[in-house]
Every structure is written in structure tokens, then in C-alpha cells.
Amino acid sequence: MIKRFSVFYVGQIDLDNVGVNGTEPNERRYPNEKLVEGYYNAVALAKHCDKKGYYCMWAAEHHFQREGYEVFPNLTLLGVHLAGLTKNLKFGAAFNIVPMWHPLRLAEDFAMGDVLTGGRLIFGVGRGYQSREVESFGAPVIDNDANRELFEKQMEIIFKAFNEESFSHHGKHYTIPADVPYRGYQLKDVTLVPRPVNRPVEIWQPVASGRTLPYIAQRKIKGMVALTGEVLAEQMMRTYQEEAGKAGRDLQLGEDIALGIGFCIGDSQTEAMEHVRPYHDERYKWFAPFGFVRYTDEQGRAWGTPGAPVGVPRLKMVLNKKLGSVGIAVILSVS
């Protein structure tokens, strides 16, 4: 059963010359006055979704995108602004790229946004996959093991900051608090100020590898499955359910999982296909080199880290495959 409808806007501007024979992504360059169009689009979309009763508008954190595909570097800031222009719509982070943040700064920013919006922000976390942004911020992503280790330690700190009145952390990457004197005493712990008022914090994470599922299920983190073939999507949902059961959580199949679906509406299938074709192809011209295209089960890679670059899937081939409707939460992704 579908419980809620949401929309995922990654922050693309109005691109020109799109499609399989259009401008190559690496050759796209836009001036700042064009790149900020994504923010005006976000305002218009948020107001529309709020009026139509959508549950949440999700957005993606990315950096340095002079190509114009994803132009939002700070999702909490965006969500707070949009919440002030709407009444009921929630704003989700899909996702904050945790290795690029100091975990306390990320936790503080979200907590402040939670207070200011009355609980209308949804916290989402990811490890990142674009080397240009993650490595430029001084965090590892090419070294997948180092990236995962850092992410998991950061999440330990974020959980402590959200859930404990005072806390400390001493590890390889962080010493919190610093071992310094403060106003005549030696620091032993700190308190996040403010802490989220809506606790426990609802947290979402993308399911991009098999190792992710036990990690999130055991920690009550909810999972997003998108751009994935029917068999793989169902397998991910069943594995999440099984892993949650091992941690004492009795979930229905698909509970605490969101399924992302790309779609276009037209008066006929032919009309819809012709309308969406250039945008579909452009989307995968951008994403395919990152290895995330798993549109069908035959094309899907085995679980693991992002796979080798693949070709752009053709729309006709995609429509010949079914996408199963397992799960009870759905994110509808539009181009």
C-alpha cells in the first residue's frame, strides 16, 4: 500500500540541447545567474507541492556543479527557507554528504532547522560518490573503505549528539571535546545546543550496496531504493526486513523503505515517451559514468560499491521491464 507521495528535485536548472546527441555533460558551463535558477525552481515546486498535498520535497546535496545538474550545497538552509514559504510540506535531505561535514556542525545545523521549522525537516545521510566534491573537501571517497570508516564514526557522533544530554567521543578521527581547560575546569563532555526537539530523529540513507542494509536496519535508519530493477529492489526490501528482524524490529515488507520511481504523464504512452526521451537520456548521460544505473535487473550490477561506467539505457528497453510495487512508501521522482 502506498502511504505517501513525495517529490525529489535534485536541483537541476533548465538545461539546453539535452538528449543522447546533445551537449556532453563535461562540456556544459553556465554563468552564476543561470545556475541560481535552481533555487527559483525549488520555490515554485515547493509551493505547488504544498498546495497539492504532497508529503515531502526531497533535494540532493552537491557541490561545484557548473554543469547545472544539481546546484544545492546546503539542504538544511534550503529546507528552512522553503518551510517559511509553505504551510505543511516537509523537506528532506537526500542526502547530506556526511564525510564532507564535521559531524557536530551537521548535527547542530539540522537541530536548529528542526526547531525553526517546527519539525518539518527530514534528516538524510549519505557517504558521497563524486570525487570532485568529496575529495576536494578533504574527505576520502576513492578509497571506499576509508570513506565507509569515516562515515560510520561520524554517524556515531551524530547519534550521540542527537540523543544524549551530554557526550564525549575519543577516536581515530575526532576527539570531542578537545582536551583543553575551559573557565577553570577540564572539559569532559559537551552538549549539542540546540538538540532536535523531535526525537528520535527520523533518518534516511540510500541503499547503494549490500553492506548498507544491515548497518541501517540495526540502527533504525530508513532506506531509499531508487533507479533499480524489480528483482534487486524486492531483494533489498526483503533483506532490510530480515536484518531489522535480527535487531528486534518486526516490520512489514517495505516498511521504512522508500521506492523512487521516475515517470512522465501524457495523454498516451507515445506522447509521454516522446516528451521525456531527451530528459531521460540526459539524466543518464550524467549518472552513468558514476556507475549508478541499475534500471533493469539484467543491467544491474551485483551489490557493492558503485560499479563501472555503463552506457545510457534506452527508454524503450526500460519500458519493456516491470518495476515491482513492493513497499509502502514511495517517492515519485520527476525530471
Protein backbone atom coordinates (compact mmCIF):
# COMPACT_ATOMS: atom_id res chain seq x y z
CA MET A 1 0.00 0.00 0.00
CA ILE A 2 1.28 3.45 -0.89
CA LYS A 3 1.15 5.68 2.18
CA ARG A 4 2.55 8.97 0.95
CA PHE A 5 3.61 10.77 -2.20
CA SER A 6 6.71 12.93 -2.25
CA VAL A 7 8.80 14.57 -4.95
CA PHE A 8 12.56 14.51 -5.46
CA TYR A 9 14.08 17.62 -7.05
CA VAL A 10 17.85 17.33 -7.31
CA GLY A 11 18.27 20.97 -8.24
CA GLN A 12 18.73 20.88 -11.99
CA ILE A 13 18.45 24.12 -13.93
CA ASP A 14 16.67 24.39 -17.28
CA LEU A 15 19.31 22.73 -19.45
CA ASP A 16 19.59 23.40 -23.16
CA ASN A 17 20.41 20.98 -26.00
CA VAL A 18 19.58 17.87 -23.99
CA GLY A 19 19.37 14.28 -25.16
CA VAL A 20 21.63 11.50 -26.32
CA ASN A 21 23.06 13.64 -29.14
CA GLY A 22 23.06 16.86 -27.17
CA THR A 23 25.86 18.67 -25.36
CA GLU A 24 28.18 16.36 -23.44
CA PRO A 25 27.87 16.87 -19.65
CA ASN A 26 31.58 17.63 -19.21
CA GLU A 27 31.29 20.42 -21.77
CA ARG A 28 28.42 22.22 -20.04
CA ARG A 29 29.24 25.55 -18.40
CA TYR A 30 26.74 28.09 -17.11
CA PRO A 31 27.18 31.53 -15.53
CA ASN A 32 26.08 32.12 -11.95
CA GLU A 33 22.92 33.97 -12.97
CA LYS A 34 21.83 30.82 -14.81
CA LEU A 35 22.88 28.39 -12.07
CA VAL A 36 20.74 30.14 -9.43
CA GLU A 37 17.62 29.29 -11.45
CA GLY A 38 17.56 26.04 -9.47
CA TYR A 39 16.61 27.98 -6.35
CA TYR A 40 13.71 29.75 -8.06
CA ASN A 41 12.55 26.39 -9.42
CA ALA A 42 12.69 24.97 -5.89
CA VAL A 43 10.48 27.75 -4.53
CA ALA A 44 7.89 27.27 -7.27
CA LEU A 45 7.89 23.48 -6.87
CA ALA A 46 7.61 23.65 -3.08
CA LYS A 47 4.62 25.98 -3.23
CA HIS A 48 2.91 23.76 -5.81
CA CYS A 49 3.51 20.55 -3.85
CA ASP A 50 2.29 22.18 -0.66
CA LYS A 51 -0.99 23.17 -2.31
CA LYS A 52 -1.46 19.70 -3.81
CA GLY A 53 -0.97 17.86 -0.53
CA TYR A 54 2.38 16.18 -1.15
CA TYR A 55 4.09 14.91 1.97
CA CYS A 56 7.71 15.91 1.35
CA MET A 57 10.02 17.54 -1.14
CA TRP A 58 13.44 15.91 -1.20
CA ALA A 59 16.61 17.50 -2.54
CA ALA A 60 20.23 16.44 -3.00
CA GLU A 61 23.45 17.99 -1.69
CA HIS A 62 26.13 18.54 -4.31
CA HIS A 63 28.96 21.00 -4.91
CA PHE A 64 30.84 22.71 -7.75
CA GLN A 65 28.21 21.78 -10.33
CA ARG A 66 28.92 24.32 -13.05
CA GLU A 67 27.23 21.82 -15.39
CA GLY A 68 23.85 22.72 -13.85
CA TYR A 69 22.53 19.28 -12.91
CA GLU A 70 22.49 19.56 -9.09
CA VAL A 71 23.07 23.01 -7.59
CA PHE A 72 22.18 22.76 -3.87
CA PRO A 73 25.18 22.64 -1.49
CA ASN A 74 23.24 23.04 1.78
CA LEU A 75 19.95 21.22 2.26
CA THR A 76 19.17 22.43 5.78
CA LEU A 77 19.46 26.06 4.67
CA LEU A 78 17.27 25.34 1.66
CA GLY A 79 14.67 23.50 3.75
CA VAL A 80 14.40 26.24 6.36
CA HIS A 81 13.84 28.84 3.64
CA LEU A 82 11.22 26.78 1.81
CA ALA A 83 9.41 25.91 5.05
CA GLY A 84 8.91 29.63 5.61
CA LEU A 85 7.15 29.90 2.24
CA THR A 86 4.83 26.90 2.71
CA LYS A 87 2.41 25.54 5.33
CA ASN A 88 2.61 21.77 5.63
CA LEU A 89 5.17 20.34 3.21
CA LYS A 90 8.19 18.64 4.76
CA PHE A 91 11.69 18.98 3.32
CA GLY A 92 14.01 16.01 3.17
CA ALA A 93 17.75 15.71 2.66
CA ALA A 94 18.58 13.09 0.04
CA PHE A 95 21.29 13.29 1.15
CA ASN A 96 23.67 15.25 3.35
CA ILE A 97 27.12 14.04 2.29
CA VAL A 98 28.39 13.31 5.79
CA PRO A 99 32.15 12.85 5.07
CA MET A 100 32.22 16.43 3.78
CA TRP A 101 30.94 17.79 7.10
CA HIS A 102 32.19 17.99 10.63
CA PRO A 103 29.56 15.78 12.31
CA LEU A 104 28.84 18.31 15.06
CA ARG A 105 28.28 21.11 12.56
CA LEU A 106 25.88 18.93 10.58
CA ALA A 107 24.03 17.89 13.74
CA GLU A 108 23.81 21.49 15.00
CA ASP A 109 22.52 22.83 11.70
CA PHE A 110 19.82 20.18 11.44
CA ALA A 111 18.78 20.64 15.08
CA MET A 112 18.41 24.38 14.58
CA GLY A 113 16.39 23.78 11.43
CA ASP A 114 14.19 21.30 13.30
CA VAL A 115 13.42 23.95 15.91
CA LEU A 116 12.83 26.80 13.45
CA THR A 117 10.51 24.80 11.16
CA GLY A 118 8.55 23.02 13.85
CA GLY A 119 9.83 19.61 12.81
CA ARG A 120 9.37 19.92 9.03
CA LEU A 121 12.90 18.85 8.08
CA ILE A 122 13.81 15.20 7.48
CA PHE A 123 17.41 14.15 8.06
CA GLY A 124 19.13 12.11 5.37
CA VAL A 125 22.72 10.91 5.25
CA GLY A 126 24.98 9.50 2.57
CA ARG A 127 28.64 8.69 2.03
CA GLY A 128 29.03 10.55 -1.26
CA TYR A 129 30.19 9.25 -4.62
CA GLN A 130 31.51 12.19 -6.65
CA SER A 131 35.25 12.51 -6.27
CA ARG A 132 35.37 16.15 -7.36
CA GLU A 133 33.39 17.30 -4.35
CA VAL A 134 34.21 14.79 -1.60
CA GLU A 135 37.97 14.67 -2.15
CA SER A 136 38.13 18.47 -2.66
CA PHE A 137 36.63 18.91 0.81
CA GLY A 138 39.43 16.75 2.20
CA ALA A 139 37.48 13.52 2.73
CA PRO A 140 38.07 10.14 1.09
CA VAL A 141 35.73 8.63 -1.48
CA ILE A 142 38.01 6.92 -3.98
CA ASP A 143 39.22 4.77 -1.09
CA ASN A 144 35.84 3.18 -0.35
CA ASP A 145 36.93 1.50 2.90
CA ALA A 146 38.30 4.76 4.29
CA ASN A 147 35.12 6.55 3.25
CA ARG A 148 32.90 3.99 4.99
CA GLU A 149 35.04 4.01 8.15
CA LEU A 150 34.88 7.80 8.40
CA PHE A 151 31.14 7.88 7.72
CA GLU A 152 30.32 5.30 10.38
CA LYS A 153 32.39 7.11 13.02
CA GLN A 154 30.73 10.38 12.11
CA MET A 155 27.33 8.78 12.50
CA GLU A 156 28.29 7.56 15.97
CA ILE A 157 28.92 11.17 16.94
CA ILE A 158 25.69 12.41 15.34
CA PHE A 159 23.63 9.80 17.19
CA LYS A 160 25.27 10.78 20.48
CA ALA A 161 24.72 14.49 19.80
CA PHE A 162 21.03 14.00 19.00
CA ASN A 163 20.17 11.56 21.77
CA GLU A 164 22.38 12.27 24.78
CA GLU A 165 22.15 15.25 27.13
CA SER A 166 25.95 15.38 27.21
CA PHE A 167 28.51 13.21 25.48
CA SER A 168 32.12 12.68 24.52
CA HIS A 169 33.91 10.80 21.76
CA HIS A 170 37.54 9.74 21.54
CA GLY A 171 38.65 8.01 18.36
CA LYS A 172 40.88 7.98 15.32
CA HIS A 173 39.15 10.85 13.55
CA TYR A 174 37.71 13.04 16.31
CA THR A 175 38.33 13.96 19.94
CA ILE A 176 35.23 15.57 21.41
CA PRO A 177 35.53 17.66 23.43
CA ALA A 178 39.04 18.91 22.87
CA ASP A 179 41.36 18.08 25.75
CA VAL A 180 41.66 21.68 26.96
CA PRO A 181 40.87 23.70 30.08
CA TYR A 182 37.70 25.82 29.97
CA ARG A 183 36.81 28.51 32.56
CA GLY A 184 38.83 26.86 35.28
CA TYR A 185 37.92 23.19 34.70
CA GLN A 186 38.98 20.43 32.33
CA LEU A 187 36.45 19.60 29.65
CA LYS A 188 35.00 16.10 29.87
CA ASP A 189 31.86 16.36 27.72
CA VAL A 190 29.76 18.72 25.60
CA THR A 191 26.07 19.24 24.83
CA LEU A 192 24.59 19.92 21.41
CA VAL A 193 22.75 23.23 21.58
CA PRO A 194 20.09 23.11 20.41
CA ARG A 195 19.19 19.45 20.20
CA PRO A 196 16.33 18.46 17.89
CA VAL A 197 13.01 18.81 19.66
CA ASN A 198 11.53 15.99 17.58
CA ARG A 199 13.32 12.87 18.80
CA PRO A 200 14.22 10.25 17.92
CA VAL A 201 15.31 11.92 14.71
CA GLU A 202 13.95 10.28 11.55
CA ILE A 203 16.99 9.38 9.44
CA TRP A 204 17.14 8.12 5.84
CA GLN A 205 20.04 6.68 3.87
CA PRO A 206 20.34 5.48 0.25
CA VAL A 207 20.70 1.76 -0.31
CA ALA A 208 23.58 1.54 -2.77
CA SER A 209 25.34 -1.57 -1.50
CA GLY A 210 24.60 -4.82 0.30
CA ARG A 211 26.70 -3.76 3.28
CA THR A 212 24.41 -0.78 3.81
CA LEU A 213 21.34 -2.85 4.65
CA PRO A 214 22.47 -4.46 7.95
CA TYR A 215 24.01 -1.17 9.04
CA ILE A 216 20.85 0.90 8.60
CA ALA A 217 18.38 -1.76 9.72
CA GLN A 218 20.20 -2.28 13.02
CA ARG A 219 20.25 1.46 13.71
CA LYS A 220 16.62 2.19 12.75
CA ILE A 221 17.74 4.22 9.76
CA LYS A 222 15.21 4.14 6.93
CA GLY A 223 16.30 3.21 3.43
CA MET A 224 15.75 4.64 -0.05
CA VAL A 225 15.84 2.42 -3.11
CA ALA A 226 15.83 4.16 -6.50
CA LEU A 227 16.73 3.55 -10.14
CA THR A 228 16.86 -0.18 -9.52
CA GLY A 229 15.38 -3.19 -11.33
CA GLU A 230 12.41 -5.10 -9.94
CA VAL A 231 14.27 -8.14 -8.62
CA LEU A 232 17.02 -6.09 -6.98
CA ALA A 233 14.50 -3.69 -5.43
CA GLU A 234 12.48 -6.50 -3.90
CA GLN A 235 15.63 -8.26 -2.72
CA MET A 236 16.78 -5.08 -0.98
CA MET A 237 13.44 -4.69 0.76
CA ARG A 238 13.35 -8.30 1.93
CA THR A 239 16.91 -8.10 3.19
CA TYR A 240 16.13 -4.90 5.10
CA GLN A 241 13.12 -6.61 6.69
CA GLU A 242 15.25 -9.63 7.67
CA GLU A 243 18.06 -7.51 9.11
CA ALA A 244 15.59 -5.40 11.06
CA GLY A 245 14.13 -8.62 12.49
CA LYS A 246 17.57 -9.64 13.73
CA ALA A 247 17.66 -6.35 15.63
CA GLY A 248 14.26 -7.00 17.21
CA ARG A 249 12.22 -4.89 14.79
CA ASP A 250 9.08 -6.54 13.41
CA LEU A 251 8.45 -4.75 10.09
CA GLN A 252 6.09 -5.33 7.21
CA LEU A 253 7.74 -5.85 3.83
CA GLY A 254 8.61 -2.38 2.57
CA GLU A 255 8.10 -0.63 5.90
CA ASP A 256 10.69 2.10 6.48
CA ILE A 257 11.71 1.86 2.82
CA ALA A 258 11.03 4.42 0.08
CA LEU A 259 10.94 3.37 -3.56
CA GLY A 260 11.99 6.00 -6.08
CA ILE A 261 10.21 5.94 -9.44
CA GLY A 262 10.86 8.12 -12.48
CA PHE A 263 7.76 8.88 -14.54
CA CYS A 264 6.18 11.16 -17.14
CA ILE A 265 2.45 11.65 -17.72
CA GLY A 266 0.92 12.13 -21.16
CA ASP A 267 -2.35 11.50 -22.99
CA SER A 268 -0.78 8.37 -24.46
CA GLN A 269 2.31 6.28 -23.89
CA THR A 270 3.73 7.51 -27.20
CA GLU A 271 3.24 11.15 -26.26
CA ALA A 272 4.78 10.64 -22.82
CA MET A 273 7.77 8.77 -24.29
CA GLU A 274 8.47 11.44 -26.88
CA HIS A 275 8.26 14.18 -24.27
CA VAL A 276 10.51 12.53 -21.71
CA ARG A 277 13.02 10.89 -24.06
CA PRO A 278 15.64 13.71 -24.24
CA TYR A 279 15.44 14.34 -20.48
CA HIS A 280 15.67 10.63 -19.69
CA ASP A 281 18.76 10.29 -21.89
CA GLU A 282 20.33 13.42 -20.43
CA ARG A 283 19.80 12.15 -16.92
CA TYR A 284 21.74 9.01 -17.65
CA LYS A 285 24.42 10.77 -19.63
CA TRP A 286 25.18 12.42 -16.29
CA PHE A 287 24.69 9.46 -13.94
CA ALA A 288 26.01 6.52 -15.97
CA PRO A 289 29.72 7.35 -15.52
CA PHE A 290 29.22 7.19 -11.76
CA GLY A 291 28.09 3.57 -12.13
CA PHE A 292 24.65 4.01 -10.59
CA VAL A 293 22.48 2.90 -13.49
CA ARG A 294 20.63 -0.22 -12.37
CA TYR A 295 17.45 0.36 -14.32
CA THR A 296 16.76 -3.29 -15.07
CA ASP A 297 17.83 -6.50 -13.42
CA GLU A 298 19.83 -7.59 -16.46
CA GLN A 299 21.69 -4.30 -16.43
CA GLY A 300 22.01 -4.18 -12.64
CA ARG A 301 25.35 -4.88 -11.06
CA ALA A 302 25.90 -7.03 -8.03
CA TRP A 303 25.74 -5.19 -4.74
CA GLY A 304 28.93 -3.47 -3.81
CA THR A 305 30.45 -0.08 -4.37
CA PRO A 306 29.35 1.98 -7.39
CA GLY A 307 30.05 -0.10 -10.45
CA ALA A 308 31.96 0.56 -13.63
CA PRO A 309 30.53 3.15 -16.02
CA VAL A 310 27.78 1.84 -18.24
CA GLY A 311 26.01 3.06 -21.34
CA VAL A 312 22.89 5.19 -21.37
CA PRO A 313 19.82 2.90 -21.13
CA ARG A 314 17.32 3.49 -23.91
CA LEU A 315 13.78 4.39 -22.93
CA LYS A 316 12.11 1.63 -24.99
CA MET A 317 14.18 -1.02 -23.23
CA VAL A 318 13.29 0.42 -19.83
CA LEU A 319 9.55 0.43 -20.53
CA ASN A 320 9.67 -3.23 -21.56
CA LYS A 321 10.66 -4.10 -17.98
CA LYS A 322 8.40 -4.08 -14.95
CA LEU A 323 9.17 -2.22 -11.76
CA GLY A 324 7.60 -4.05 -8.83
CA SER A 325 5.44 -2.07 -6.43
CA VAL A 326 6.65 -3.73 -3.23
CA GLY A 327 6.88 -1.45 -0.26
CA ILE A 328 4.53 1.02 1.38
CA ALA A 329 6.37 4.29 0.96
CA VAL A 330 7.04 5.76 -2.45
CA ILE A 331 9.00 8.73 -3.66
CA LEU A 332 7.91 9.87 -7.08
CA SER A 333 10.86 11.32 -8.92
CA VAL A 334 10.19 13.72 -11.76
CA SER A 335 12.50 15.16 -14.39
